[in-house]
Amino acid sequence: MKIPEKIKIGYRDYSINLINGDVIDGNSVCYGNIKYDDGQINISTKYSKDQIECTFIHEVLHGIDELMETNLEEEQIRKMAKGLCYILKNNKELFM
């Protein structure tokens, strides 16, 4: 999977920032985060390619959740992102 420089989620454009180091969200070090008001998705490149790709999917799901006002819990987003990553990785021909 190629991580794009930008992604449109609904009516909002988000810039994708690949961070060479830690992504800090509040008091926590994270794989990534999304800043809704700033239109930014930040992803740490410290981790494996698989982790970076799954983090991208995870943050996009947060963006969809925000847009659709579904109010999913972090654990729900985490599980959905993991499942979607497995689907994308194991069925590449379906998404090319």
C-alpha atoms as a PDB file:
ATOM      1  CA  MET A   1       0.000   0.000   0.000  1.00  0.00           C
ATOM      2  CA  LYS A   2       1.240   3.465  -0.847  1.00  0.00           C
ATOM      3  CA  ILE A   3       0.478   6.047   1.827  1.00  0.00           C
ATOM      4  CA  PRO A   4      -0.783   9.148  -0.019  1.00  0.00           C
ATOM      5  CA  GLU A   5       0.226  12.736   0.739  1.00  0.00           C
ATOM      6  CA  LYS A   6      -3.455  13.688   1.084  1.00  0.00           C
ATOM      7  CA  ILE A   7      -6.799  11.968   1.525  1.00  0.00           C
ATOM      8  CA  LYS A   8     -10.330  13.276   1.276  1.00  0.00           C
ATOM      9  CA  ILE A   9     -12.724  11.902   3.897  1.00  0.00           C
ATOM     10  CA  GLY A  10     -16.188  13.171   3.066  1.00  0.00           C
ATOM     11  CA  TYR A  11     -15.952  16.923   2.604  1.00  0.00           C
ATOM     12  CA  ARG A  12     -12.646  17.269   4.471  1.00  0.00           C
ATOM     13  CA  ASP A  13      -9.142  17.125   3.057  1.00  0.00           C
ATOM     14  CA  TYR A  14      -6.431  15.721   5.299  1.00  0.00           C
ATOM     15  CA  SER A  15      -2.686  16.047   4.775  1.00  0.00           C
ATOM     16  CA  ILE A  16      -0.720  12.931   5.667  1.00  0.00           C
ATOM     17  CA  ASN A  17       2.456  13.698   7.616  1.00  0.00           C
ATOM     18  CA  LEU A  18       4.994  10.900   7.960  1.00  0.00           C
ATOM     19  CA  ILE A  19       6.883  11.768  11.143  1.00  0.00           C
ATOM     20  CA  ASN A  20      10.449  10.577  11.610  1.00  0.00           C
ATOM     21  CA  GLY A  21      10.084  10.035  15.355  1.00  0.00           C
ATOM     22  CA  ASP A  22       7.382   9.860  17.967  1.00  0.00           C
ATOM     23  CA  VAL A  23       3.816  11.066  17.479  1.00  0.00           C
ATOM     24  CA  ILE A  24       2.639  12.550  20.756  1.00  0.00           C
ATOM     25  CA  ASP A  25      -1.082  12.797  21.485  1.00  0.00           C
ATOM     26  CA  GLY A  26      -1.750  14.359  24.860  1.00  0.00           C
ATOM     27  CA  ASN A  27       0.627  12.571  27.213  1.00  0.00           C
ATOM     28  CA  SER A  28       0.910   9.406  25.086  1.00  0.00           C
ATOM     29  CA  VAL A  29       3.336   8.240  22.425  1.00  0.00           C
ATOM     30  CA  CYS A  30       1.253   6.828  19.569  1.00  0.00           C
ATOM     31  CA  TYR A  31       1.745   5.183  16.195  1.00  0.00           C
ATOM     32  CA  GLY A  32      -0.262   8.067  14.766  1.00  0.00           C
ATOM     33  CA  ASN A  33      -3.076  10.524  15.327  1.00  0.00           C
ATOM     34  CA  ILE A  34      -5.604  12.645  13.500  1.00  0.00           C
ATOM     35  CA  LYS A  35      -6.189  16.347  14.040  1.00  0.00           C
ATOM     36  CA  TYR A  36      -9.714  17.026  12.783  1.00  0.00           C
ATOM     37  CA  ASP A  37      -9.597  20.814  13.083  1.00  0.00           C
ATOM     38  CA  ASP A  38      -6.187  21.072  11.402  1.00  0.00           C
ATOM     39  CA  GLY A  39      -6.913  18.497   8.676  1.00  0.00           C
ATOM     40  CA  GLN A  40      -3.794  16.517   9.594  1.00  0.00           C
ATOM     41  CA  ILE A  41      -3.035  12.824   9.952  1.00  0.00           C
ATOM     42  CA  ASN A  42       0.358  12.145  11.552  1.00  0.00           C
ATOM     43  CA  ILE A  43       2.010   8.739  11.306  1.00  0.00           C
ATOM     44  CA  SER A  44       5.315   7.731  12.887  1.00  0.00           C
ATOM     45  CA  THR A  45       7.786   6.052  10.531  1.00  0.00           C
ATOM     46  CA  LYS A  46       9.659   4.422  13.451  1.00  0.00           C
ATOM     47  CA  TYR A  47       7.726   1.208  12.976  1.00  0.00           C
ATOM     48  CA  SER A  48       7.425  -1.523  10.343  1.00  0.00           C
ATOM     49  CA  LYS A  49       5.811  -0.965   6.945  1.00  0.00           C
ATOM     50  CA  ASP A  50       2.866  -3.116   8.071  1.00  0.00           C
ATOM     51  CA  GLN A  51       2.404  -1.014  11.217  1.00  0.00           C
ATOM     52  CA  ILE A  52       2.574   2.238   9.238  1.00  0.00           C
ATOM     53  CA  GLU A  53      -0.077   0.972   6.808  1.00  0.00           C
ATOM     54  CA  CYS A  54      -2.352  -0.214   9.612  1.00  0.00           C
ATOM     55  CA  THR A  55      -1.906   3.095  11.415  1.00  0.00           C
ATOM     56  CA  PHE A  56      -2.966   4.899   8.243  1.00  0.00           C
ATOM     57  CA  ILE A  57      -6.137   2.754   8.042  1.00  0.00           C
ATOM     58  CA  HIS A  58      -6.754   3.313  11.774  1.00  0.00           C
ATOM     59  CA  GLU A  59      -6.561   7.094  11.460  1.00  0.00           C
ATOM     60  CA  VAL A  60      -8.744   7.094   8.322  1.00  0.00           C
ATOM     61  CA  LEU A  61     -11.364   5.156  10.287  1.00  0.00           C
ATOM     62  CA  HIS A  62     -11.227   7.862  12.953  1.00  0.00           C
ATOM     63  CA  GLY A  63     -11.874  10.386  10.190  1.00  0.00           C
ATOM     64  CA  ILE A  64     -14.861   8.391   8.925  1.00  0.00           C
ATOM     65  CA  ASP A  65     -16.143   8.032  12.484  1.00  0.00           C
ATOM     66  CA  GLU A  66     -15.910  11.799  13.001  1.00  0.00           C
ATOM     67  CA  LEU A  67     -17.635  12.519   9.675  1.00  0.00           C
ATOM     68  CA  MET A  68     -20.455  10.041  10.217  1.00  0.00           C
ATOM     69  CA  GLU A  69     -20.819  10.874  13.936  1.00  0.00           C
ATOM     70  CA  THR A  70     -20.866   7.195  14.909  1.00  0.00           C
ATOM     71  CA  ASN A  71     -18.951   7.810  18.164  1.00  0.00           C
ATOM     72  CA  LEU A  72     -17.003   4.559  18.060  1.00  0.00           C
ATOM     73  CA  GLU A  73     -14.732   3.787  20.988  1.00  0.00           C
ATOM     74  CA  GLU A  74     -10.963   3.606  20.451  1.00  0.00           C
ATOM     75  CA  GLU A  75     -11.063  -0.175  20.948  1.00  0.00           C
ATOM     76  CA  GLN A  76     -13.694  -0.519  18.214  1.00  0.00           C
ATOM     77  CA  ILE A  77     -11.613   1.579  15.812  1.00  0.00           C
ATOM     78  CA  ARG A  78      -8.519  -0.476  16.668  1.00  0.00           C
ATOM     79  CA  LYS A  79     -10.277  -3.774  15.969  1.00  0.00           C
ATOM     80  CA  MET A  80     -11.887  -2.552  12.742  1.00  0.00           C
ATOM     81  CA  ALA A  81      -8.547  -1.186  11.512  1.00  0.00           C
ATOM     82  CA  LYS A  82      -6.807  -4.473  12.244  1.00  0.00           C
ATOM     83  CA  GLY A  83      -9.501  -6.442  10.403  1.00  0.00           C
ATOM     84  CA  LEU A  84      -9.458  -4.099   7.421  1.00  0.00           C
ATOM     85  CA  CYS A  85      -5.653  -4.288   7.237  1.00  0.00           C
ATOM     86  CA  TYR A  86      -5.836  -8.079   7.073  1.00  0.00           C
ATOM     87  CA  ILE A  87      -8.444  -7.908   4.289  1.00  0.00           C
ATOM     88  CA  LEU A  88      -6.399  -5.420   2.259  1.00  0.00           C
ATOM     89  CA  LYS A  89      -3.143  -7.349   2.690  1.00  0.00           C
ATOM     90  CA  ASN A  90      -4.605 -10.762   1.894  1.00  0.00           C
ATOM     91  CA  ASN A  91      -6.736  -9.673  -1.072  1.00  0.00           C
ATOM     92  CA  LYS A  92      -4.604  -7.105  -2.898  1.00  0.00           C
ATOM     93  CA  GLU A  93      -6.003  -8.062  -6.294  1.00  0.00           C
ATOM     94  CA  LEU A  94      -9.460  -6.895  -5.234  1.00  0.00           C
ATOM     95  CA  PHE A  95      -8.270  -3.350  -4.584  1.00  0.00           C
ATOM     96  CA  MET A  96      -5.944  -2.730  -7.538  1.00  0.00           C
END
